[in-house]
Amino acid sequence: MPGSVQSIERAAAILRLLGAAPGPLGVTEIAEALGLAKGTTHGLLRTLHRVGFVDQDGSGGKYRPGASLLDLGSGPLDLNELRSHAINWADPLAARTGFAVRIGALQAGAVVVVHHVFRPDDTQQRLDVGSSLPVHATALGKALLAYAPNASVVLAQGLPPYSHRTITDPDELRASLDRVRRRGWATEIEEMTVGQAGVAVPIRGHGGLVVGAIGVSGAVDRVCDPGLRPRNALVNRVRDAARAVSRDLAND
């Protein structure tokens, strides 16, 4: 059997993104959300516009779902499906790193924890499955918000402080999200809980659409080096796990 066609998967991801967005999106917003080059994104949008699957607001304006498209299939990935694909990689990640592992998805402006693996020690821990975490104060949240089409809406809702290190300025958070998109991973250092740090990487589905994130968290001195930079080996392990989950979702 022939393999999948990448351009079709990317076009489908654009349609899902537009269908889930609160309003029209520009080429740059779409490209950043899917991790594509602007030229590639513009070419796909031109084709989708030509066949009526997307409409454009005026000359060179933003894009929205087209009237000719009856069913975008744009609903978010089922959380149970995300968990079922991620669980095979989350448990080994906890065992190899010694840190707690969480899988999260973005819902209603917050991170919903769909899977939680305890750190492999004898200390008392609380199960976080089903709980909500703030997007601006957690690595999981920033890994998701960096690629979310409604990021501006979330930022407008306010950024309450959880510690002395929580980012509460929208411009500072936008700069942080830019860094996430450039390097492909997010971090938190005492932004949610004093003494705790974390690293998270987005999980992508068909066409590159970000459908979740996987992250580790633990004591600052274990997650970070003396310069408060996340340890490279840890970042690489989380990145490898995210890629494995993304590969499983894309091949499903």
Protein backbone atom coordinates (compact mmCIF):
# COMPACT_ATOMS: atom_id res chain seq x y z
CA MET A 1 0.00 0.00 0.00
CA PRO A 2 1.31 3.49 -0.77
CA GLY A 3 2.24 5.76 2.14
CA SER A 4 0.45 8.90 3.24
CA VAL A 5 0.71 12.15 1.24
CA GLN A 6 2.31 14.83 3.38
CA SER A 7 0.69 17.79 1.63
CA ILE A 8 -2.78 16.33 2.21
CA GLU A 9 -2.05 15.75 5.88
CA ARG A 10 -0.86 19.35 6.20
CA ALA A 11 -3.92 20.68 4.40
CA ALA A 12 -6.14 18.66 6.73
CA ALA A 13 -4.30 20.11 9.74
CA ILE A 14 -4.90 23.64 8.42
CA LEU A 15 -8.62 22.92 8.09
CA ARG A 16 -8.82 21.52 11.62
CA LEU A 17 -6.90 24.52 12.93
CA LEU A 18 -9.22 27.00 11.20
CA GLY A 19 -12.26 25.08 12.39
CA ALA A 20 -11.12 25.20 16.02
CA ALA A 21 -9.96 28.85 15.98
CA PRO A 22 -12.16 31.57 17.53
CA GLY A 23 -11.75 33.71 14.42
CA PRO A 24 -9.88 34.06 11.09
CA LEU A 25 -6.14 33.32 11.13
CA GLY A 26 -3.28 34.82 9.14
CA VAL A 27 -0.59 32.92 7.26
CA THR A 28 1.98 33.53 10.00
CA GLU A 29 -0.36 32.33 12.74
CA ILE A 30 -1.13 29.13 10.83
CA ALA A 31 2.51 28.50 9.96
CA GLU A 32 3.62 28.91 13.59
CA ALA A 33 0.82 26.71 14.92
CA LEU A 34 1.76 23.85 12.58
CA GLY A 35 5.51 24.36 12.51
CA LEU A 36 5.55 24.96 8.74
CA ALA A 37 7.41 27.43 6.56
CA LYS A 38 5.34 30.47 5.57
CA GLY A 39 5.86 29.73 1.88
CA THR A 40 4.59 26.18 2.26
CA THR A 41 1.62 27.38 4.29
CA HIS A 42 0.73 30.07 1.77
CA GLY A 43 0.84 27.56 -1.08
CA LEU A 44 -1.49 25.18 0.74
CA LEU A 45 -3.88 28.01 1.59
CA ARG A 46 -3.99 29.17 -2.05
CA THR A 47 -4.99 25.67 -3.12
CA LEU A 48 -7.60 25.32 -0.37
CA HIS A 49 -8.99 28.74 -1.29
CA ARG A 50 -9.18 27.82 -4.97
CA VAL A 51 -11.32 24.76 -4.21
CA GLY A 52 -13.51 26.66 -1.75
CA PHE A 53 -12.36 24.92 1.42
CA VAL A 54 -11.16 28.20 2.95
CA ASP A 55 -12.34 31.79 2.49
CA GLN A 56 -10.19 34.89 2.77
CA ASP A 57 -11.11 38.24 4.30
CA GLY A 58 -10.47 40.67 1.48
CA SER A 59 -7.27 40.92 -0.54
CA GLY A 60 -4.42 39.37 1.43
CA GLY A 61 -6.58 39.04 4.54
CA LYS A 62 -6.92 36.29 7.09
CA TYR A 63 -8.41 32.85 6.43
CA ARG A 64 -11.49 31.07 7.78
CA PRO A 65 -13.31 27.82 6.89
CA GLY A 66 -14.89 27.98 3.44
CA ALA A 67 -18.58 27.64 2.70
CA SER A 68 -17.91 24.70 0.37
CA LEU A 69 -16.53 22.58 3.17
CA LEU A 70 -19.43 20.73 4.79
CA ASP A 71 -17.48 18.88 7.48
CA LEU A 72 -14.07 19.90 8.66
CA GLY A 73 -13.79 17.09 11.20
CA SER A 74 -12.19 19.77 13.32
CA GLY A 75 -13.05 18.54 16.77
CA PRO A 76 -10.12 18.08 19.12
CA LEU A 77 -8.40 14.74 19.44
CA ASP A 78 -10.25 12.50 21.88
CA LEU A 79 -8.40 12.69 25.19
CA ASN A 80 -8.63 8.93 25.69
CA GLU A 81 -6.97 8.46 22.31
CA LEU A 82 -4.17 10.82 23.28
CA ARG A 83 -3.69 8.98 26.57
CA SER A 84 -3.72 5.54 24.94
CA HIS A 85 -0.93 6.53 22.55
CA ALA A 86 1.13 8.41 25.15
CA ILE A 87 0.98 5.92 28.00
CA ASN A 88 3.46 3.55 26.34
CA TRP A 89 6.09 6.31 26.35
CA ALA A 90 5.23 8.16 29.55
CA ASP A 91 5.97 5.27 31.90
CA PRO A 92 9.45 4.57 30.48
CA LEU A 93 10.22 8.31 30.54
CA ALA A 94 9.49 8.43 34.28
CA ALA A 95 11.61 5.34 34.89
CA ARG A 96 14.58 6.67 32.89
CA THR A 97 14.57 10.21 34.28
CA GLY A 98 13.33 9.68 37.85
CA PHE A 99 10.80 12.49 37.41
CA ALA A 100 7.02 12.67 37.40
CA VAL A 101 5.54 12.69 33.90
CA ARG A 102 2.30 14.35 32.80
CA ILE A 103 0.44 14.34 29.50
CA GLY A 104 -1.74 17.40 28.96
CA ALA A 105 -4.15 18.88 26.43
CA LEU A 106 -5.47 22.41 26.04
CA GLN A 107 -9.14 22.85 26.90
CA ALA A 108 -11.04 26.06 27.69
CA GLY A 109 -7.84 28.02 28.24
CA ALA A 110 -6.28 25.58 30.71
CA VAL A 111 -4.18 22.41 30.63
CA VAL A 112 -6.15 19.26 31.41
CA VAL A 113 -3.93 16.42 32.70
CA VAL A 114 -4.95 13.24 30.86
CA HIS A 115 -2.19 10.99 32.22
CA HIS A 116 0.15 11.22 35.19
CA VAL A 117 3.01 8.89 36.07
CA PHE A 118 4.38 9.24 39.60
CA ARG A 119 8.09 9.78 40.04
CA PRO A 120 9.66 6.40 40.88
CA ASP A 121 10.40 6.91 44.58
CA ASP A 122 8.68 6.25 47.90
CA THR A 123 7.53 9.79 48.63
CA GLN A 124 3.84 10.64 48.93
CA GLN A 125 2.32 11.93 45.69
CA ARG A 126 -1.12 13.03 44.52
CA LEU A 127 -2.66 11.85 41.25
CA ASP A 128 -3.31 14.81 38.93
CA VAL A 129 -5.36 13.08 36.21
CA GLY A 130 -8.36 15.26 35.39
CA SER A 131 -6.98 18.34 37.13
CA SER A 132 -6.42 21.69 35.40
CA LEU A 133 -3.11 23.56 35.32
CA PRO A 134 -2.51 27.20 34.32
CA VAL A 135 -1.15 27.59 30.82
CA HIS A 136 1.15 30.54 31.59
CA ALA A 137 2.84 29.08 34.69
CA THR A 138 3.63 25.54 33.54
CA ALA A 139 5.91 24.01 30.93
CA LEU A 140 3.00 21.89 29.66
CA GLY A 141 0.86 25.00 29.26
CA LYS A 142 3.49 26.98 27.39
CA ALA A 143 4.25 24.03 25.10
CA LEU A 144 0.55 24.03 24.15
CA LEU A 145 -0.13 27.77 24.15
CA ALA A 146 2.79 28.47 21.80
CA TYR A 147 0.92 26.69 19.00
CA ALA A 148 -2.67 27.53 19.96
CA PRO A 149 -4.70 29.66 17.52
CA ASN A 150 -6.54 31.29 20.44
CA ALA A 151 -3.42 32.26 22.41
CA SER A 152 -4.32 35.95 22.32
CA VAL A 153 -7.71 35.18 23.88
CA VAL A 154 -6.05 33.25 26.71
CA LEU A 155 -3.57 36.06 27.34
CA ALA A 156 -6.41 38.58 27.50
CA GLN A 157 -8.04 36.64 30.34
CA GLY A 158 -5.26 37.63 32.73
CA LEU A 159 -2.10 35.99 34.06
CA PRO A 160 -2.45 35.53 37.82
CA PRO A 161 0.75 34.98 39.85
CA TYR A 162 1.42 31.63 41.52
CA SER A 163 4.92 32.49 42.75
CA HIS A 164 7.46 35.29 42.56
CA ARG A 165 8.66 33.88 39.22
CA THR A 166 5.28 33.57 37.45
CA ILE A 167 5.15 35.49 34.17
CA THR A 168 2.31 38.00 34.55
CA ASP A 169 3.18 40.41 31.73
CA PRO A 170 1.57 39.47 28.36
CA ASP A 171 4.50 40.77 26.31
CA GLU A 172 6.98 38.76 28.38
CA LEU A 173 4.84 35.65 27.93
CA ARG A 174 4.64 36.22 24.16
CA ALA A 175 8.44 36.39 24.06
CA SER A 176 8.59 33.16 26.05
CA LEU A 177 6.21 31.48 23.59
CA ASP A 178 8.38 32.67 20.70
CA ARG A 179 11.32 30.87 22.31
CA VAL A 180 9.23 27.73 22.63
CA ARG A 181 8.47 27.77 18.90
CA ARG A 182 12.13 28.40 18.01
CA ARG A 183 13.59 25.56 20.09
CA GLY A 184 10.60 23.18 20.16
CA TRP A 185 10.31 22.78 23.95
CA ALA A 186 9.10 24.73 26.97
CA THR A 187 10.31 25.12 30.51
CA GLU A 188 9.12 26.42 33.88
CA ILE A 189 11.38 27.34 36.77
CA GLU A 190 9.51 27.95 40.03
CA GLU A 191 6.70 29.63 38.09
CA MET A 192 3.97 27.40 39.51
CA THR A 193 5.57 26.02 42.67
CA VAL A 194 8.65 27.30 44.51
CA GLY A 195 11.46 24.76 44.32
CA GLN A 196 9.99 22.94 41.31
CA ALA A 197 10.91 23.07 37.62
CA GLY A 198 9.77 21.30 34.49
CA VAL A 199 10.32 20.66 30.80
CA ALA A 200 7.63 19.89 28.21
CA VAL A 201 7.46 19.21 24.47
CA PRO A 202 4.38 19.41 22.21
CA ILE A 203 2.81 16.27 20.77
CA ARG A 204 1.71 16.52 17.13
CA GLY A 205 -0.96 14.58 15.29
CA HIS A 206 -1.71 14.27 11.59
CA GLY A 207 -0.29 17.11 9.51
CA GLY A 208 1.70 18.53 12.41
CA LEU A 209 -1.28 19.80 14.44
CA VAL A 210 -0.36 20.11 18.13
CA VAL A 211 -2.83 17.93 20.06
CA GLY A 212 -1.12 17.68 23.45
CA ALA A 213 2.16 17.89 25.32
CA ILE A 214 4.32 15.64 27.47
CA GLY A 215 6.45 16.94 30.30
CA VAL A 216 8.51 16.10 33.36
CA SER A 217 8.75 18.00 36.64
CA GLY A 218 10.83 17.84 39.79
CA ALA A 219 13.21 19.69 42.06
CA VAL A 220 14.94 22.67 40.44
CA ASP A 221 18.45 21.44 41.24
CA ARG A 222 17.71 18.13 39.48
CA VAL A 223 15.92 19.52 36.45
CA CYS A 224 18.34 22.40 35.90
CA ASP A 225 22.10 22.92 35.92
CA PRO A 226 23.74 25.49 38.26
CA GLY A 227 22.91 28.21 35.72
CA LEU A 228 19.18 27.37 35.96
CA ARG A 229 19.17 25.95 32.45
CA PRO A 230 17.28 22.66 31.93
CA ARG A 231 19.78 19.84 31.56
CA ASN A 232 20.32 18.89 27.92
CA ALA A 233 20.04 15.16 28.55
CA LEU A 234 16.64 15.64 30.18
CA VAL A 235 15.36 17.86 27.36
CA ASN A 236 16.47 15.27 24.84
CA ARG A 237 14.66 12.45 26.64
CA VAL A 238 11.41 14.42 26.77
CA ARG A 239 11.81 15.41 23.13
CA ASP A 240 12.36 11.77 22.13
CA ALA A 241 9.22 10.70 24.00
CA ALA A 242 7.14 13.44 22.33
CA ARG A 243 8.40 12.42 18.92
CA ALA A 244 7.55 8.79 19.60
CA VAL A 245 3.99 9.66 20.65
CA SER A 246 3.61 11.97 17.64
CA ARG A 247 4.82 9.20 15.35
CA ASP A 248 2.30 6.77 16.82
CA LEU A 249 -0.55 9.26 16.35
CA ALA A 250 0.47 10.04 12.77
CA ASN A 251 0.60 6.34 11.90
CA ASP A 252 -2.72 5.47 13.53
